[in-house]
Protein backbone atom coordinates (compact mmCIF):
# COMPACT_ATOMS: atom_id res chain seq x y z
CA UNK A 1 -0.05 -0.23 -0.09
CA UNK A 2 1.21 3.48 -0.61
CA UNK A 3 1.69 5.40 2.27
CA UNK A 4 2.50 9.22 1.81
CA UNK A 5 3.14 11.72 4.74
CA UNK A 6 1.69 14.92 4.55
CA UNK A 7 2.44 18.22 5.89
CA UNK A 8 4.35 18.31 8.87
CA UNK A 9 3.41 21.38 11.27
CA UNK A 10 4.16 21.97 15.10
CA UNK A 11 2.95 24.66 17.19
CA UNK A 12 4.16 23.51 20.25
CA UNK A 13 7.60 24.77 21.50
CA UNK A 14 8.56 21.42 23.30
CA UNK A 15 7.81 19.20 20.34
CA UNK A 16 10.58 18.68 17.81
CA UNK A 17 9.79 18.17 14.21
CA UNK A 18 11.32 14.68 14.00
CA UNK A 19 8.62 13.83 16.83
CA UNK A 20 5.92 15.13 14.62
CA UNK A 21 7.15 13.53 11.65
CA UNK A 22 7.60 10.14 13.07
CA UNK A 23 3.76 10.32 14.88
CA UNK A 24 2.55 11.37 11.23
CA UNK A 25 4.20 8.29 9.73
CA UNK A 26 3.11 5.99 12.22
CA UNK A 27 -0.56 7.56 11.66
CA UNK A 28 -0.15 7.15 8.01
CA UNK A 29 0.59 3.56 8.43
CA UNK A 30 -2.38 2.84 10.91
CA UNK A 31 -4.51 4.69 8.46
CA UNK A 32 -3.33 2.25 5.44
CA UNK A 33 -3.74 -0.67 7.66
CA UNK A 34 -7.43 0.58 8.87
CA UNK A 35 -8.11 0.53 5.06
CA UNK A 36 -6.26 -2.79 4.28
CA UNK A 37 -8.12 -4.78 6.86
CA UNK A 38 -11.28 -3.98 5.26
CA UNK A 39 -9.96 -5.60 2.16
CA UNK A 40 -8.63 -8.60 4.11
CA UNK A 41 -12.09 -9.04 6.14
CA UNK A 42 -13.87 -9.30 2.78
CA UNK A 43 -11.62 -12.06 1.30
CA UNK A 44 -11.84 -14.27 4.46
CA UNK A 45 -14.37 -17.05 4.88
CA UNK A 46 -17.57 -15.36 6.52
CA UNK A 47 -17.52 -16.38 10.32
CA UNK A 48 -14.02 -18.00 10.12
CA UNK A 49 -11.21 -17.83 12.68
CA UNK A 50 -9.42 -15.77 10.31
CA UNK A 51 -12.09 -13.26 9.60
CA UNK A 52 -12.38 -12.51 13.59
CA UNK A 53 -8.48 -12.41 13.83
CA UNK A 54 -8.50 -9.78 10.96
CA UNK A 55 -11.55 -7.84 12.81
CA UNK A 56 -9.72 -7.98 15.89
CA UNK A 57 -6.55 -6.58 14.18
CA UNK A 58 -8.60 -4.02 12.26
CA UNK A 59 -10.22 -2.77 15.68
CA UNK A 60 -6.29 -2.55 17.14
CA UNK A 61 -5.49 -0.41 14.22
CA UNK A 62 -8.30 2.15 14.60
CA UNK A 63 -7.39 2.31 18.22
CA UNK A 64 -3.92 3.18 17.67
CA UNK A 65 -4.91 5.45 14.75
CA UNK A 66 -6.96 7.46 17.39
CA UNK A 67 -4.19 7.51 19.70
CA UNK A 68 -1.88 8.61 17.33
CA UNK A 69 -4.09 11.46 16.28
CA UNK A 70 -4.56 12.45 19.84
CA UNK A 71 -0.71 12.64 20.51
CA UNK A 72 -0.23 14.68 17.55
CA UNK A 73 -3.19 17.15 18.32
CA UNK A 74 -1.77 17.27 21.87
CA UNK A 75 1.64 18.19 20.66
CA UNK A 76 0.22 21.31 18.65
CA UNK A 77 0.10 19.63 15.17
CA UNK A 78 -2.54 18.78 12.93
CA UNK A 79 -2.76 14.87 12.01
CA UNK A 80 -3.00 14.44 8.62
CA UNK A 81 -6.11 13.01 7.25
CA UNK A 82 -6.24 9.47 5.90
CA UNK A 83 -6.41 8.90 2.09
CA UNK A 84 -9.65 8.13 0.46
CA UNK A 85 -8.08 4.77 -0.88
CA UNK A 86 -4.70 3.00 -0.93
CA UNK A 87 -3.04 1.34 -3.66
CA UNK A 88 -2.46 -2.41 -2.57
CA UNK A 89 0.69 -4.21 -3.35
CA UNK A 90 -1.23 -6.77 -5.23
CA UNK A 91 -4.43 -8.31 -6.12
CA UNK A 92 -6.45 -9.92 -3.07
CA UNK A 93 -8.80 -12.54 -4.45
CA UNK A 94 -8.37 -15.41 -2.33
CA UNK A 95 -7.91 -16.14 1.48
CA UNK A 96 -4.27 -16.60 1.11
CA UNK A 97 -3.74 -13.43 -0.59
CA UNK A 98 -5.77 -11.61 2.15
CA UNK A 99 -3.46 -13.17 4.67
CA UNK A 100 -0.42 -12.08 2.70
CA UNK A 101 -1.85 -8.37 2.62
CA UNK A 102 -2.19 -8.64 6.22
CA UNK A 103 1.16 -9.67 6.73
CA UNK A 104 2.49 -6.92 4.63
CA UNK A 105 0.37 -4.21 6.42
CA UNK A 106 1.80 -5.36 9.73
CA UNK A 107 5.26 -5.32 8.91
CA UNK A 108 4.81 -1.63 7.16
CA UNK A 109 3.03 -0.79 10.77
CA UNK A 110 6.12 -2.03 12.54
CA UNK A 111 8.36 -0.42 10.29
CA UNK A 112 6.62 2.95 10.70
CA UNK A 113 6.89 2.67 14.51
CA UNK A 114 10.74 2.16 14.40
CA UNK A 115 10.88 6.34 14.17
CA UNK A 116 9.26 6.46 17.43
CA UNK A 117 11.87 4.04 18.70
CA UNK A 118 14.78 6.14 17.92
CA UNK A 119 13.31 9.51 19.35
CA UNK A 120 14.70 10.99 22.56
CA UNK A 121 11.38 11.05 24.26
CA UNK A 122 10.98 8.08 26.69
CA UNK A 123 7.09 7.55 26.51
CA UNK A 124 7.15 7.95 22.67
CA UNK A 125 10.29 5.25 22.63
CA UNK A 126 8.21 3.09 24.84
CA UNK A 127 5.04 3.39 22.97
CA UNK A 128 6.84 2.78 19.59
CA UNK A 129 8.46 -0.50 20.91
CA UNK A 130 5.21 -1.68 22.09
CA UNK A 131 3.52 -1.01 18.79
CA UNK A 132 6.52 -2.64 17.03
CA UNK A 133 5.99 -5.89 19.13
CA UNK A 134 2.09 -5.82 18.55
CA UNK A 135 2.61 -5.71 14.92
CA UNK A 136 5.13 -8.16 14.84
CA UNK A 137 3.01 -10.61 17.01
CA UNK A 138 0.24 -10.02 14.39
CA UNK A 139 2.50 -10.48 11.50
CA UNK A 140 3.52 -13.87 13.19
CA UNK A 141 -0.13 -15.08 13.19
CA UNK A 142 -0.62 -14.19 9.45
CA UNK A 143 2.80 -15.24 8.26
CA UNK A 144 3.37 -18.44 10.58
CA UNK A 145 6.81 -17.50 11.75
CA UNK A 146 8.14 -14.30 13.26
CA UNK A 147 11.07 -12.04 11.72
CA UNK A 148 14.38 -11.89 13.61
CA UNK A 149 14.21 -7.90 13.45
CA UNK A 150 10.37 -6.87 13.12
CA UNK A 151 9.85 -3.81 10.80
CA UNK A 152 13.47 -3.77 9.16
CA UNK A 153 12.99 -4.69 5.76
CA UNK A 154 15.10 -7.98 4.70
CA UNK A 155 17.58 -5.63 2.18
CA UNK A 156 18.43 -3.49 5.44
CA UNK A 157 19.78 -6.62 7.13
CA UNK A 158 22.21 -7.35 4.10
CA UNK A 159 25.59 -6.00 3.60
């Protein structure tokens, strides 16, 4: 899914541009995940355990999206609104393709939260780490295995 970041403005003297940018990036990933899980759930068997998992994951992303919006607003910036639609990384016609999309969504959410982990603000670092972990565990459920370094693209782990 294509995730575009919007303008980053901070009116709060105690908030740095890197903090706002990291929060906006995580928000964009959460917004894309909310959209994507609608696609995922629509392609899973009605009433299945997978569809229930997708619904639970969708709710988790909506809550995270709302928390990020509140954090951005509390720091004196305006949360960038979600796009009307997002480009999917590939076609989704089967339950297997829906599971692959869910995995991709979680990997991208984890990657976005890594920017929070790198910030000097302790509460943002903790929140970022918790969200990387949550996304990694959701990805593990969809993928069937866990990545050694959640959120880092495989290419970044090579020399």
